[in-house]
Structure formats: C-alpha cells, structure tokens
Amino acid sequence: MALKAGTLICALLIAYLAAYPSEAAITCMDVDMCVAPCINYLTGAQSSPTTECCDGVKKLKSLPSSTAEKRFACSCVKQAASKIANINDNAVKSLPTACGTPLPFPISLEFDCSTIP
C-alpha cells in the first residue's frame, strides 16, 4: 500500500510541475554568458564593443519572451553589472545602441526592473 501511495504522490507532483512550470525559463548564468564578452567595453578598456559582445547582446534580446522573463533578465543584468569593478554607467546604457540591438528593457544600474510591462 505504501508503494502505491508513494507512486500516486510522485505522479501528482510531476503533474503539478508540468502544469505550473518555472516562471523564468532563463537563468542568470544565461544572461551572464551573454554579457561577459562586453566587460572590456563596459569598463572603458575598449572604445567599442566586440563582435562577440554584440552577439551576446543579440542573444540576450532573444532570451526573454514573457514579462516575467524580461524582468528576470533585467535583474540578472543589474546583478552582473554590480559585480564588475569600474563599470561605466554610460557604456552600460549605450551598449544596445552600440551593438545596433535594442533590448526589450533598458539597461541601467538604476532602472527598476519591476516596471517592465
């Protein structure tokens, strides 16, 4: 009898997880990997972003689709930026334009990600 109850609980848990998937399909590591090639530009060590950096920005643009994912990705970008020493906020703000890839959210250390529609 215990085996049947355990199996039933397991089946219910799997059904619940399938019906209510995780809110964010992306992770901060996904976002970090997109932004990592941009560190030299963001700190002023390079005057323009590299091709690898802009490829990461393009990938970052394609990652989030829902409002929750956009807010999550925005928060991840802010977290990553806060860990980079000597980051230039103007370079952060100009990165999407410099790469010719507008993002679905503004990049700024001060931006409130919860306001993304």
PDB file of N, CA and C in Angstrom:
ATOM      1  N   MET A   1       0.818  -1.194   0.000  1.00  0.00           N
ATOM      2  CA  MET A   1       0.000   0.000   0.000  1.00  0.00           C
ATOM      3  C   MET A   1       0.859   1.256   0.000  1.00  0.00           C
ATOM      4  N   ALA A   2       1.984   1.241   0.716  1.00  0.00           N
ATOM      5  CA  ALA A   2       2.861   2.401   0.794  1.00  0.00           C
ATOM      6  C   ALA A   2       3.444   2.723  -0.575  1.00  0.00           C
ATOM      7  N   LEU A   3       3.733   1.681  -1.350  1.00  0.00           N
ATOM      8  CA  LEU A   3       4.290   1.893  -2.678  1.00  0.00           C
ATOM      9  C   LEU A   3       3.282   2.608  -3.570  1.00  0.00           C
ATOM     10  N   LYS A   4       2.033   2.223  -3.489  1.00  0.00           N
ATOM     11  CA  LYS A   4       1.005   2.860  -4.303  1.00  0.00           C
ATOM     12  C   LYS A   4       0.826   4.320  -3.901  1.00  0.00           C
ATOM     13  N   ALA A   5       0.837   4.621  -2.611  1.00  0.00           N
ATOM     14  CA  ALA A   5       0.676   5.989  -2.142  1.00  0.00           C
ATOM     15  C   ALA A   5       1.869   6.834  -2.592  1.00  0.00           C
ATOM     16  N   GLY A   6       3.072   6.280  -2.496  1.00  0.00           N
ATOM     17  CA  GLY A   6       4.275   6.991  -2.932  1.00  0.00           C
ATOM     18  C   GLY A   6       4.249   7.254  -4.426  1.00  0.00           C
ATOM     19  N   THR A   7       3.792   6.267  -5.185  1.00  0.00           N
ATOM     20  CA  THR A   7       3.686   6.418  -6.632  1.00  0.00           C
ATOM     21  C   THR A   7       2.657   7.488  -6.986  1.00  0.00           C
ATOM     22  N   LEU A   8       1.546   7.505  -6.269  1.00  0.00           N
ATOM     23  CA  LEU A   8       0.499   8.489  -6.506  1.00  0.00           C
ATOM     24  C   LEU A   8       1.012   9.902  -6.203  1.00  0.00           C
ATOM     25  N   ILE A   9       1.717  10.062  -5.094  1.00  0.00           N
ATOM     26  CA  ILE A   9       2.265  11.360  -4.730  1.00  0.00           C
ATOM     27  C   ILE A   9       3.265  11.824  -5.784  1.00  0.00           C
ATOM     28  N   CYS A  10       4.109  10.927  -6.222  1.00  0.00           N
ATOM     29  CA  CYS A  10       5.095  11.250  -7.257  1.00  0.00           C
ATOM     30  C   CYS A  10       4.390  11.668  -8.550  1.00  0.00           C
ATOM     31  N   ALA A  11       3.366  10.953  -8.950  1.00  0.00           N
ATOM     32  CA  ALA A  11       2.628  11.273 -10.166  1.00  0.00           C
ATOM     33  C   ALA A  11       1.946  12.627 -10.047  1.00  0.00           C
ATOM     34  N   LEU A  12       1.378  12.923  -8.882  1.00  0.00           N
ATOM     35  CA  LEU A  12       0.738  14.222  -8.659  1.00  0.00           C
ATOM     36  C   LEU A  12       1.760  15.357  -8.715  1.00  0.00           C
ATOM     37  N   LEU A  13       2.939  15.136  -8.148  1.00  0.00           N
ATOM     38  CA  LEU A  13       3.990  16.141  -8.171  1.00  0.00           C
ATOM     39  C   LEU A  13       4.441  16.417  -9.602  1.00  0.00           C
ATOM     40  N   ILE A  14       4.614  15.380 -10.378  1.00  0.00           N
ATOM     41  CA  ILE A  14       5.011  15.542 -11.779  1.00  0.00           C
ATOM     42  C   ILE A  14       3.927  16.288 -12.556  1.00  0.00           C
ATOM     43  N   ALA A  15       2.671  15.952 -12.317  1.00  0.00           N
ATOM     44  CA  ALA A  15       1.569  16.632 -12.999  1.00  0.00           C
ATOM     45  C   ALA A  15       1.523  18.107 -12.611  1.00  0.00           C
ATOM     46  N   TYR A  16       1.759  18.409 -11.339  1.00  0.00           N
ATOM     47  CA  TYR A  16       1.764  19.793 -10.874  1.00  0.00           C
ATOM     48  C   TYR A  16       2.888  20.577 -11.545  1.00  0.00           C
ATOM     49  N   LEU A  17       4.081  20.004 -11.582  1.00  0.00           N
ATOM     50  CA  LEU A  17       5.226  20.685 -12.181  1.00  0.00           C
ATOM     51  C   LEU A  17       5.023  20.903 -13.675  1.00  0.00           C
ATOM     52  N   ALA A  18       4.369  19.981 -14.327  1.00  0.00           N
ATOM     53  CA  ALA A  18       4.096  20.138 -15.758  1.00  0.00           C
ATOM     54  C   ALA A  18       3.062  21.240 -15.994  1.00  0.00           C
ATOM     55  N   ALA A  19       2.091  21.349 -15.100  1.00  0.00           N
ATOM     56  CA  ALA A  19       1.042  22.345 -15.255  1.00  0.00           C
ATOM     57  C   ALA A  19       1.517  23.745 -14.868  1.00  0.00           C
ATOM     58  N   TYR A  20       2.432  23.828 -13.931  1.00  0.00           N
ATOM     59  CA  TYR A  20       2.926  25.113 -13.433  1.00  0.00           C
ATOM     60  C   TYR A  20       4.444  25.159 -13.552  1.00  0.00           C
ATOM     61  N   PRO A  21       4.948  25.382 -14.766  1.00  0.00           N
ATOM     62  CA  PRO A  21       6.397  25.403 -14.952  1.00  0.00           C
ATOM     63  C   PRO A  21       7.022  26.601 -14.259  1.00  0.00           C
ATOM     64  N   SER A  22       8.316  26.535 -14.102  1.00  0.00           N
ATOM     65  CA  SER A  22       9.075  27.624 -13.501  1.00  0.00           C
ATOM     66  C   SER A  22       8.771  28.924 -14.225  1.00  0.00           C
ATOM     67  N   GLU A  23       8.681  30.031 -13.470  1.00  0.00           N
ATOM     68  CA  GLU A  23       8.336  31.316 -14.053  1.00  0.00           C
ATOM     69  C   GLU A  23       9.408  31.802 -15.027  1.00  0.00           C
ATOM     70  N   ALA A  24      10.652  31.563 -14.742  1.00  0.00           N
ATOM     71  CA  ALA A  24      11.725  32.026 -15.611  1.00  0.00           C
ATOM     72  C   ALA A  24      12.378  30.837 -16.322  1.00  0.00           C
ATOM     73  N   ALA A  25      12.281  30.837 -17.638  1.00  0.00           N
ATOM     74  CA  ALA A  25      12.879  29.754 -18.414  1.00  0.00           C
ATOM     75  C   ALA A  25      14.354  30.014 -18.647  1.00  0.00           C
ATOM     76  N   ILE A  26      14.815  31.204 -18.285  1.00  0.00           N
ATOM     77  CA  ILE A  26      16.220  31.546 -18.430  1.00  0.00           C
ATOM     78  C   ILE A  26      16.848  31.663 -17.043  1.00  0.00           C
ATOM     79  N   THR A  27      18.140  31.617 -17.007  1.00  0.00           N
ATOM     80  CA  THR A  27      18.846  31.744 -15.733  1.00  0.00           C
ATOM     81  C   THR A  27      19.774  32.953 -15.790  1.00  0.00           C
ATOM     82  N   CYS A  28      20.225  33.388 -14.629  1.00  0.00           N
ATOM     83  CA  CYS A  28      21.202  34.486 -14.598  1.00  0.00           C
ATOM     84  C   CYS A  28      22.502  34.049 -15.267  1.00  0.00           C
ATOM     85  N   MET A  29      22.816  32.767 -15.220  1.00  0.00           N
ATOM     86  CA  MET A  29      24.022  32.293 -15.895  1.00  0.00           C
ATOM     87  C   MET A  29      23.888  32.495 -17.407  1.00  0.00           C
ATOM     88  N   ASP A  30      22.688  32.261 -17.962  1.00  0.00           N
ATOM     89  CA  ASP A  30      22.449  32.515 -19.387  1.00  0.00           C
ATOM     90  C   ASP A  30      22.732  33.983 -19.709  1.00  0.00           C
ATOM     91  N   VAL A  31      22.216  34.862 -18.869  1.00  0.00           N
ATOM     92  CA  VAL A  31      22.388  36.294 -19.068  1.00  0.00           C
ATOM     93  C   VAL A  31      23.855  36.685 -18.907  1.00  0.00           C
ATOM     94  N   ASP A  32      24.504  36.152 -17.855  1.00  0.00           N
ATOM     95  CA  ASP A  32      25.917  36.449 -17.619  1.00  0.00           C
ATOM     96  C   ASP A  32      26.782  36.063 -18.816  1.00  0.00           C
ATOM     97  N   MET A  33      26.485  34.926 -19.423  1.00  0.00           N
ATOM     98  CA  MET A  33      27.273  34.469 -20.571  1.00  0.00           C
ATOM     99  C   MET A  33      27.090  35.397 -21.773  1.00  0.00           C
ATOM    100  N   CYS A  34      25.921  36.019 -21.870  1.00  0.00           N
ATOM    101  CA  CYS A  34      25.682  36.976 -22.954  1.00  0.00           C
ATOM    102  C   CYS A  34      26.471  38.262 -22.736  1.00  0.00           C
ATOM    103  N   VAL A  35      26.564  38.682 -21.490  1.00  0.00           N
ATOM    104  CA  VAL A  35      27.174  39.971 -21.156  1.00  0.00           C
ATOM    105  C   VAL A  35      28.689  39.870 -20.959  1.00  0.00           C
ATOM    106  N   ALA A  36      29.199  38.713 -20.592  1.00  0.00           N
ATOM    107  CA  ALA A  36      30.626  38.554 -20.267  1.00  0.00           C
ATOM    108  C   ALA A  36      31.578  39.089 -21.344  1.00  0.00           C
ATOM    109  N   PRO A  37      31.321  38.862 -22.640  1.00  0.00           N
ATOM    110  CA  PRO A  37      32.254  39.377 -23.644  1.00  0.00           C
ATOM    111  C   PRO A  37      32.277  40.907 -23.736  1.00  0.00           C
ATOM    112  N   CYS A  38      31.379  41.568 -23.012  1.00  0.00           N
ATOM    113  CA  CYS A  38      31.264  43.027 -23.082  1.00  0.00           C
ATOM    114  C   CYS A  38      32.016  43.745 -21.963  1.00  0.00           C
ATOM    115  N   ILE A  39      32.632  43.011 -21.067  1.00  0.00           N
ATOM    116  CA  ILE A  39      33.254  43.628 -19.889  1.00  0.00           C
ATOM    117  C   ILE A  39      34.272  44.692 -20.266  1.00  0.00           C
ATOM    118  N   ASN A  40      35.122  44.434 -21.242  1.00  0.00           N
ATOM    119  CA  ASN A  40      36.127  45.437 -21.626  1.00  0.00           C
ATOM    120  C   ASN A  40      35.484  46.728 -22.131  1.00  0.00           C
ATOM    121  N   TYR A  41      34.396  46.617 -22.854  1.00  0.00           N
ATOM    122  CA  TYR A  41      33.678  47.815 -23.310  1.00  0.00           C
ATOM    123  C   TYR A  41      33.016  48.519 -22.134  1.00  0.00           C
ATOM    124  N   LEU A  42      32.404  47.753 -21.264  1.00  0.00           N
ATOM    125  CA  LEU A  42      31.668  48.330 -20.139  1.00  0.00           C
ATOM    126  C   LEU A  42      32.564  49.007 -19.112  1.00  0.00           C
ATOM    127  N   THR A  43      33.832  48.642 -19.091  1.00  0.00           N
ATOM    128  CA  THR A  43      34.777  49.256 -18.151  1.00  0.00           C
ATOM    129  C   THR A  43      35.656  50.310 -18.818  1.00  0.00           C
ATOM    130  N   GLY A  44      35.461  50.539 -20.109  1.00  0.00           N
ATOM    131  CA  GLY A  44      36.231  51.559 -20.806  1.00  0.00           C
ATOM    132  C   GLY A  44      37.555  51.076 -21.354  1.00  0.00           C
ATOM    133  N   ALA A  45      37.855  49.799 -21.230  1.00  0.00           N
ATOM    134  CA  ALA A  45      39.108  49.259 -21.762  1.00  0.00           C
ATOM    135  C   ALA A  45      39.081  49.195 -23.289  1.00  0.00           C
ATOM    136  N   GLN A  46      37.885  49.182 -23.864  1.00  0.00           N
ATOM    137  CA  GLN A  46      37.712  49.213 -25.323  1.00  0.00           C
ATOM    138  C   GLN A  46      36.735  50.329 -25.653  1.00  0.00           C
ATOM    139  N   SER A  47      36.965  51.008 -26.765  1.00  0.00           N
ATOM    140  CA  SER A  47      36.098  52.127 -27.146  1.00  0.00           C
ATOM    141  C   SER A  47      34.806  51.688 -27.820  1.00  0.00           C
ATOM    142  N   SER A  48      34.780  50.457 -28.307  1.00  0.00           N
ATOM    143  CA  SER A  48      33.568  49.932 -28.928  1.00  0.00           C
ATOM    144  C   SER A  48      33.434  48.450 -28.589  1.00  0.00           C
ATOM    145  N   PRO A  49      32.195  47.961 -28.594  1.00  0.00           N
ATOM    146  CA  PRO A  49      32.002  46.544 -28.276  1.00  0.00           C
ATOM    147  C   PRO A  49      32.514  45.635 -29.388  1.00  0.00           C
ATOM    148  N   THR A  50      32.997  44.463 -29.001  1.00  0.00           N
ATOM    149  CA  THR A  50      33.488  43.479 -29.965  1.00  0.00           C
ATOM    150  C   THR A  50      32.315  42.756 -30.621  1.00  0.00           C
ATOM    151  N   THR A  51      32.621  42.024 -31.671  1.00  0.00           N
ATOM    152  CA  THR A  51      31.600  41.210 -32.339  1.00  0.00           C
ATOM    153  C   THR A  51      31.003  40.200 -31.360  1.00  0.00           C
ATOM    154  N   GLU A  52      31.857  39.587 -30.532  1.00  0.00           N
ATOM    155  CA  GLU A  52      31.381  38.595 -29.556  1.00  0.00           C
ATOM    156  C   GLU A  52      30.429  39.252 -28.555  1.00  0.00           C
ATOM    157  N   CYS A  53      30.762  40.475 -28.143  1.00  0.00           N
ATOM    158  CA  CYS A  53      29.900  41.213 -27.225  1.00  0.00           C
ATOM    159  C   CYS A  53      28.530  41.450 -27.865  1.00  0.00           C
ATOM    160  N   CYS A  54      28.527  41.966 -29.079  1.00  0.00           N
ATOM    161  CA  CYS A  54      27.258  42.258 -29.762  1.00  0.00           C
ATOM    162  C   CYS A  54      26.465  40.988 -30.053  1.00  0.00           C
ATOM    163  N   ASP A  55      27.156  39.889 -30.327  1.00  0.00           N
ATOM    164  CA  ASP A  55      26.461  38.605 -30.488  1.00  0.00           C
ATOM    165  C   ASP A  55      25.758  38.229 -29.183  1.00  0.00           C
ATOM    166  N   GLY A  56      26.420  38.497 -28.056  1.00  0.00           N
ATOM    167  CA  GLY A  56      25.817  38.227 -26.752  1.00  0.00           C
ATOM    168  C   GLY A  56      24.608  39.103 -26.496  1.00  0.00           C
ATOM    169  N   VAL A  57      24.681  40.376 -26.909  1.00  0.00           N
ATOM    170  CA  VAL A  57      23.546  41.288 -26.752  1.00  0.00           C
ATOM    171  C   VAL A  57      22.372  40.802 -27.596  1.00  0.00           C
ATOM    172  N   LYS A  58      22.662  40.340 -28.812  1.00  0.00           N
ATOM    173  CA  LYS A  58      21.600  39.804 -29.682  1.00  0.00           C
ATOM    174  C   LYS A  58      20.956  38.571 -29.050  1.00  0.00           C
ATOM    175  N   LYS A  59      21.785  37.723 -28.468  1.00  0.00           N
ATOM    176  CA  LYS A  59      21.239  36.533 -27.804  1.00  0.00           C
ATOM    177  C   LYS A  59      20.411  36.943 -26.595  1.00  0.00           C
ATOM    178  N   LEU A  60      20.902  37.928 -25.842  1.00  0.00           N
ATOM    179  CA  LEU A  60      20.165  38.424 -24.677  1.00  0.00           C
ATOM    180  C   LEU A  60      18.802  38.957 -25.090  1.00  0.00           C
ATOM    181  N   LYS A  61      18.732  39.598 -26.238  1.00  0.00           N
ATOM    182  CA  LYS A  61      17.454  40.117 -26.741  1.00  0.00           C
ATOM    183  C   LYS A  61      16.469  38.985 -27.005  1.00  0.00           C
ATOM    184  N   SER A  62      16.968  37.849 -27.462  1.00  0.00           N
ATOM    185  CA  SER A  62      16.078  36.744 -27.839  1.00  0.00           C
ATOM    186  C   SER A  62      15.680  35.849 -26.662  1.00  0.00           C
ATOM    187  N   LEU A  63      16.386  35.937 -25.540  1.00  0.00           N
ATOM    188  CA  LEU A  63      16.105  35.039 -24.422  1.00  0.00           C
ATOM    189  C   LEU A  63      14.736  35.250 -23.762  1.00  0.00           C
ATOM    190  N   PRO A  64      14.458  36.448 -23.269  1.00  0.00           N
ATOM    191  CA  PRO A  64      13.184  36.600 -22.553  1.00  0.00           C
ATOM    192  C   PRO A  64      12.021  36.818 -23.502  1.00  0.00           C
ATOM    193  N   SER A  65      10.880  36.192 -23.209  1.00  0.00           N
ATOM    194  CA  SER A  65       9.710  36.413 -24.045  1.00  0.00           C
ATOM    195  C   SER A  65       8.543  36.962 -23.231  1.00  0.00           C
ATOM    196  N   SER A  66       8.339  36.461 -22.045  1.00  0.00           N
ATOM    197  CA  SER A  66       7.233  36.945 -21.218  1.00  0.00           C
ATOM    198  C   SER A  66       7.691  38.133 -20.371  1.00  0.00           C
ATOM    199  N   THR A  67       6.742  38.839 -19.803  1.00  0.00           N
ATOM    200  CA  THR A  67       7.061  39.955 -18.912  1.00  0.00           C
ATOM    201  C   THR A  67       7.915  39.474 -17.747  1.00  0.00           C
ATOM    202  N   ALA A  68       7.563  38.342 -17.173  1.00  0.00           N
ATOM    203  CA  ALA A  68       8.327  37.805 -16.038  1.00  0.00           C
ATOM    204  C   ALA A  68       9.763  37.513 -16.441  1.00  0.00           C
ATOM    205  N   GLU A  69       9.973  36.950 -17.628  1.00  0.00           N
ATOM    206  CA  GLU A  69      11.324  36.648 -18.102  1.00  0.00           C
ATOM    207  C   GLU A  69      12.110  37.924 -18.378  1.00  0.00           C
ATOM    208  N   LYS A  70      11.443  38.946 -18.933  1.00  0.00           N
ATOM    209  CA  LYS A  70      12.110  40.224 -19.184  1.00  0.00           C
ATOM    210  C   LYS A  70      12.557  40.851 -17.865  1.00  0.00           C
ATOM    211  N   ARG A  71      11.688  40.819 -16.877  1.00  0.00           N
ATOM    212  CA  ARG A  71      12.033  41.373 -15.560  1.00  0.00           C
ATOM    213  C   ARG A  71      13.180  40.593 -14.928  1.00  0.00           C
ATOM    214  N   PHE A  72      13.128  39.287 -15.079  1.00  0.00           N
ATOM    215  CA  PHE A  72      14.175  38.430 -14.525  1.00  0.00           C
ATOM    216  C   PHE A  72      15.512  38.719 -15.201  1.00  0.00           C
ATOM    217  N   ALA A  73      15.517  38.781 -16.535  1.00  0.00           N
ATOM    218  CA  ALA A  73      16.748  39.057 -17.286  1.00  0.00           C
ATOM    219  C   ALA A  73      17.294  40.436 -16.928  1.00  0.00           C
ATOM    220  N   CYS A  74      16.421  41.405 -16.790  1.00  0.00           N
ATOM    221  CA  CYS A  74      16.821  42.752 -16.391  1.00  0.00           C
ATOM    222  C   CYS A  74      17.514  42.717 -15.033  1.00  0.00           C
ATOM    223  N   SER A  75      16.936  42.003 -14.090  1.00  0.00           N
ATOM    224  CA  SER A  75      17.539  41.888 -12.753  1.00  0.00           C
ATOM    225  C   SER A  75      18.896  41.198 -12.821  1.00  0.00           C
ATOM    226  N   CYS A  76      19.014  40.194 -13.668  1.00  0.00           N
ATOM    227  CA  CYS A  76      20.294  39.493 -13.828  1.00  0.00           C
ATOM    228  C   CYS A  76      21.362  40.425 -14.390  1.00  0.00           C
ATOM    229  N   VAL A  77      20.982  41.249 -15.367  1.00  0.00           N
ATOM    230  CA  VAL A  77      21.927  42.200 -15.948  1.00  0.00           C
ATOM    231  C   VAL A  77      22.401  43.166 -14.867  1.00  0.00           C
ATOM    232  N   LYS A  78      21.470  43.647 -14.055  1.00  0.00           N
ATOM    233  CA  LYS A  78      21.844  44.575 -12.981  1.00  0.00           C
ATOM    234  C   LYS A  78      22.772  43.899 -11.970  1.00  0.00           C
ATOM    235  N   GLN A  79      22.468  42.648 -11.633  1.00  0.00           N
ATOM    236  CA  GLN A  79      23.332  41.907 -10.699  1.00  0.00           C
ATOM    237  C   GLN A  79      24.734  41.749 -11.270  1.00  0.00           C
ATOM    238  N   ALA A  80      24.808  41.373 -12.531  1.00  0.00           N
ATOM    239  CA  ALA A  80      26.110  41.170 -13.175  1.00  0.00           C
ATOM    240  C   ALA A  80      26.877  42.484 -13.213  1.00  0.00           C
ATOM    241  N   ALA A  81      26.191  43.557 -13.580  1.00  0.00           N
ATOM    242  CA  ALA A  81      26.848  44.861 -13.672  1.00  0.00           C
ATOM    243  C   ALA A  81      27.363  45.329 -12.315  1.00  0.00           C
ATOM    244  N   SER A  82      26.635  45.019 -11.268  1.00  0.00           N
ATOM    245  CA  SER A  82      27.052  45.458  -9.931  1.00  0.00           C
ATOM    246  C   SER A  82      28.335  44.760  -9.470  1.00  0.00           C
ATOM    247  N   LYS A  83      28.683  43.650 -10.101  1.00  0.00           N
ATOM    248  CA  LYS A  83      29.880  42.894  -9.718  1.00  0.00           C
ATOM    249  C   LYS A  83      31.111  43.276 -10.550  1.00  0.00           C
ATOM    250  N   ILE A  84      30.928  44.113 -11.567  1.00  0.00           N
ATOM    251  CA  ILE A  84      32.037  44.498 -12.435  1.00  0.00           C
ATOM    252  C   ILE A  84      32.672  45.772 -11.881  1.00  0.00           C
ATOM    253  N   ALA A  85      33.945  45.680 -11.525  1.00  0.00           N
ATOM    254  CA  ALA A  85      34.662  46.844 -10.996  1.00  0.00           C
ATOM    255  C   ALA A  85      34.852  47.878 -12.101  1.00  0.00           C
ATOM    256  N   ASN A  86      34.741  49.137 -11.739  1.00  0.00           N
ATOM    257  CA  ASN A  86      34.971  50.267 -12.652  1.00  0.00           C
ATOM    258  C   ASN A  86      34.017  50.300 -13.832  1.00  0.00           C
ATOM    259  N   ILE A  87      32.807  49.820 -13.645  1.00  0.00           N
ATOM    260  CA  ILE A  87      31.842  49.831 -14.742  1.00  0.00           C
ATOM    261  C   ILE A  87      31.413  51.269 -15.028  1.00  0.00           C
ATOM    262  N   ASN A  88      31.244  51.583 -16.284  1.00  0.00           N
ATOM    263  CA  ASN A  88      30.838  52.900 -16.725  1.00  0.00           C
ATOM    264  C   ASN A  88      29.345  52.851 -17.050  1.00  0.00           C
ATOM    265  N   ASP A  89      28.533  53.564 -16.272  1.00  0.00           N
ATOM    266  CA  ASP A  89      27.082  53.505 -16.461  1.00  0.00           C
ATOM    267  C   ASP A  89      26.678  53.986 -17.853  1.00  0.00           C
ATOM    268  N   ASN A  90      27.399  54.951 -18.417  1.00  0.00           N
ATOM    269  CA  ASN A  90      27.086  55.407 -19.777  1.00  0.00           C
ATOM    270  C   ASN A  90      27.327  54.305 -20.801  1.00  0.00           C
ATOM    271  N   ALA A  91      28.384  53.522 -20.607  1.00  0.00           N
ATOM    272  CA  ALA A  91      28.656  52.398 -21.511  1.00  0.00           C
ATOM    273  C   ALA A  91      27.565  51.339 -21.372  1.00  0.00           C
ATOM    274  N   VAL A  92      27.106  51.121 -20.148  1.00  0.00           N
ATOM    275  CA  VAL A  92      26.022  50.155 -19.917  1.00  0.00           C
ATOM    276  C   VAL A  92      24.779  50.595 -20.671  1.00  0.00           C
ATOM    277  N   LYS A  93      24.410  51.863 -20.532  1.00  0.00           N
ATOM    278  CA  LYS A  93      23.210  52.383 -21.187  1.00  0.00           C
ATOM    279  C   LYS A  93      23.334  52.365 -22.712  1.00  0.00           C
ATOM    280  N   SER A  94      24.547  52.611 -23.215  1.00  0.00           N
ATOM    281  CA  SER A  94      24.724  52.718 -24.667  1.00  0.00           C
ATOM    282  C   SER A  94      24.988  51.374 -25.353  1.00  0.00           C
ATOM    283  N   LEU A  95      25.204  50.327 -24.597  1.00  0.00           N
ATOM    284  CA  LEU A  95      25.567  49.034 -25.186  1.00  0.00           C
ATOM    285  C   LEU A  95      24.588  48.549 -26.254  1.00  0.00           C
ATOM    286  N   PRO A  96      23.270  48.528 -25.995  1.00  0.00           N
ATOM    287  CA  PRO A  96      22.357  48.048 -27.046  1.00  0.00           C
ATOM    288  C   PRO A  96      22.452  48.879 -28.331  1.00  0.00           C
ATOM    289  N   THR A  97      22.569  50.199 -28.192  1.00  0.00           N
ATOM    290  CA  THR A  97      22.687  51.067 -29.359  1.00  0.00           C
ATOM    291  C   THR A  97      24.008  50.831 -30.081  1.00  0.00           C
ATOM    292  N   ALA A  98      25.086  50.689 -29.312  1.00  0.00           N
ATOM    293  CA  ALA A  98      26.408  50.453 -29.907  1.00  0.00           C
ATOM    294  C   ALA A  98      26.425  49.150 -30.703  1.00  0.00           C
ATOM    295  N   CYS A  99      25.611  48.202 -30.290  1.00  0.00           N
ATOM    296  CA  CYS A  99      25.532  46.917 -30.998  1.00  0.00           C
ATOM    297  C   CYS A  99      24.406  46.896 -32.035  1.00  0.00           C
ATOM    298  N   GLY A 100      23.629  47.967 -32.105  1.00  0.00           N
ATOM    299  CA  GLY A 100      22.522  48.008 -33.056  1.00  0.00           C
ATOM    300  C   GLY A 100      21.429  47.023 -32.719  1.00  0.00           C
ATOM    301  N   THR A 101      21.284  46.727 -31.433  1.00  0.00           N
ATOM    302  CA  THR A 101      20.311  45.731 -30.988  1.00  0.00           C
ATOM    303  C   THR A 101      19.543  46.250 -29.779  1.00  0.00           C
ATOM    304  N   PRO A 102      18.425  46.935 -30.010  1.00  0.00           N
ATOM    305  CA  PRO A 102      17.653  47.400 -28.859  1.00  0.00           C
ATOM    306  C   PRO A 102      17.113  46.206 -28.064  1.00  0.00           C
ATOM    307  N   LEU A 103      17.195  46.310 -26.756  1.00  0.00           N
ATOM    308  CA  LEU A 103      16.713  45.237 -25.890  1.00  0.00           C
ATOM    309  C   LEU A 103      15.270  45.504 -25.475  1.00  0.00           C
ATOM    310  N   PRO A 104      14.575  44.476 -25.005  1.00  0.00           N
ATOM    311  CA  PRO A 104      13.180  44.658 -24.582  1.00  0.00           C
ATOM    312  C   PRO A 104      13.075  45.364 -23.226  1.00  0.00           C
ATOM    313  N   PHE A 105      14.204  45.812 -22.682  1.00  0.00           N
ATOM    314  CA  PHE A 105      14.225  46.571 -21.433  1.00  0.00           C
ATOM    315  C   PHE A 105      15.460  47.453 -21.448  1.00  0.00           C
ATOM    316  N   PRO A 106      15.387  48.619 -20.813  1.00  0.00           N
ATOM    317  CA  PRO A 106      16.577  49.472 -20.761  1.00  0.00           C
ATOM    318  C   PRO A 106      17.625  48.874 -19.833  1.00  0.00           C
ATOM    319  N   ILE A 107      18.872  49.148 -20.125  1.00  0.00           N
ATOM    320  CA  ILE A 107      19.939  48.689 -19.247  1.00  0.00           C
ATOM    321  C   ILE A 107      20.448  49.900 -18.485  1.00  0.00           C
ATOM    322  N   SER A 108      20.322  49.841 -17.193  1.00  0.00           N
ATOM    323  CA  SER A 108      20.822  50.890 -16.322  1.00  0.00           C
ATOM    324  C   SER A 108      20.942  50.314 -14.933  1.00  0.00           C
ATOM    325  N   LEU A 109      21.946  50.746 -14.214  1.00  0.00           N
ATOM    326  CA  LEU A 109      22.122  50.258 -12.847  1.00  0.00           C
ATOM    327  C   LEU A 109      21.003  50.754 -11.946  1.00  0.00           C
ATOM    328  N   GLU A 110      20.349  51.854 -12.325  1.00  0.00           N
ATOM    329  CA  GLU A 110      19.288  52.424 -11.506  1.00  0.00           C
ATOM    330  C   GLU A 110      17.873  52.006 -11.948  1.00  0.00           C
ATOM    331  N   PHE A 111      17.736  51.356 -13.081  1.00  0.00           N
ATOM    332  CA  PHE A 111      16.409  51.028 -13.612  1.00  0.00           C
ATOM    333  C   PHE A 111      15.680  50.050 -12.712  1.00  0.00           C
ATOM    334  N   ASP A 112      14.385  50.292 -12.506  1.00  0.00           N
ATOM    335  CA  ASP A 112      13.537  49.411 -11.706  1.00  0.00           C
ATOM    336  C   ASP A 112      12.935  48.356 -12.630  1.00  0.00           C
ATOM    337  N   CYS A 113      13.474  47.165 -12.584  1.00  0.00           N
ATOM    338  CA  CYS A 113      13.061  46.080 -13.482  1.00  0.00           C
ATOM    339  C   CYS A 113      11.594  45.686 -13.294  1.00  0.00           C
ATOM    340  N   SER A 114      11.041  45.952 -12.133  1.00  0.00           N
ATOM    341  CA  SER A 114       9.636  45.572 -11.888  1.00  0.00           C
ATOM    342  C   SER A 114       8.666  46.436 -12.682  1.00  0.00           C
ATOM    343  N   THR A 115       9.143  47.492 -13.312  1.00  0.00           N
ATOM    344  CA  THR A 115       8.256  48.363 -14.098  1.00  0.00           C
ATOM    345  C   THR A 115       8.133  47.928 -15.552  1.00  0.00           C
ATOM    346  N   ILE A 116       8.851  46.880 -15.944  1.00  0.00           N
ATOM    347  CA  ILE A 116       8.772  46.392 -17.320  1.00  0.00           C
ATOM    348  C   ILE A 116       7.370  45.835 -17.564  1.00  0.00           C
ATOM    349  N   PRO A 117       6.706  46.322 -18.607  1.00  0.00           N
ATOM    350  CA  PRO A 117       5.316  45.857 -18.867  1.00  0.00           C
ATOM    351  C   PRO A 117       5.274  44.450 -19.456  1.00  0.00           C
TER     352      PRO A 117
END
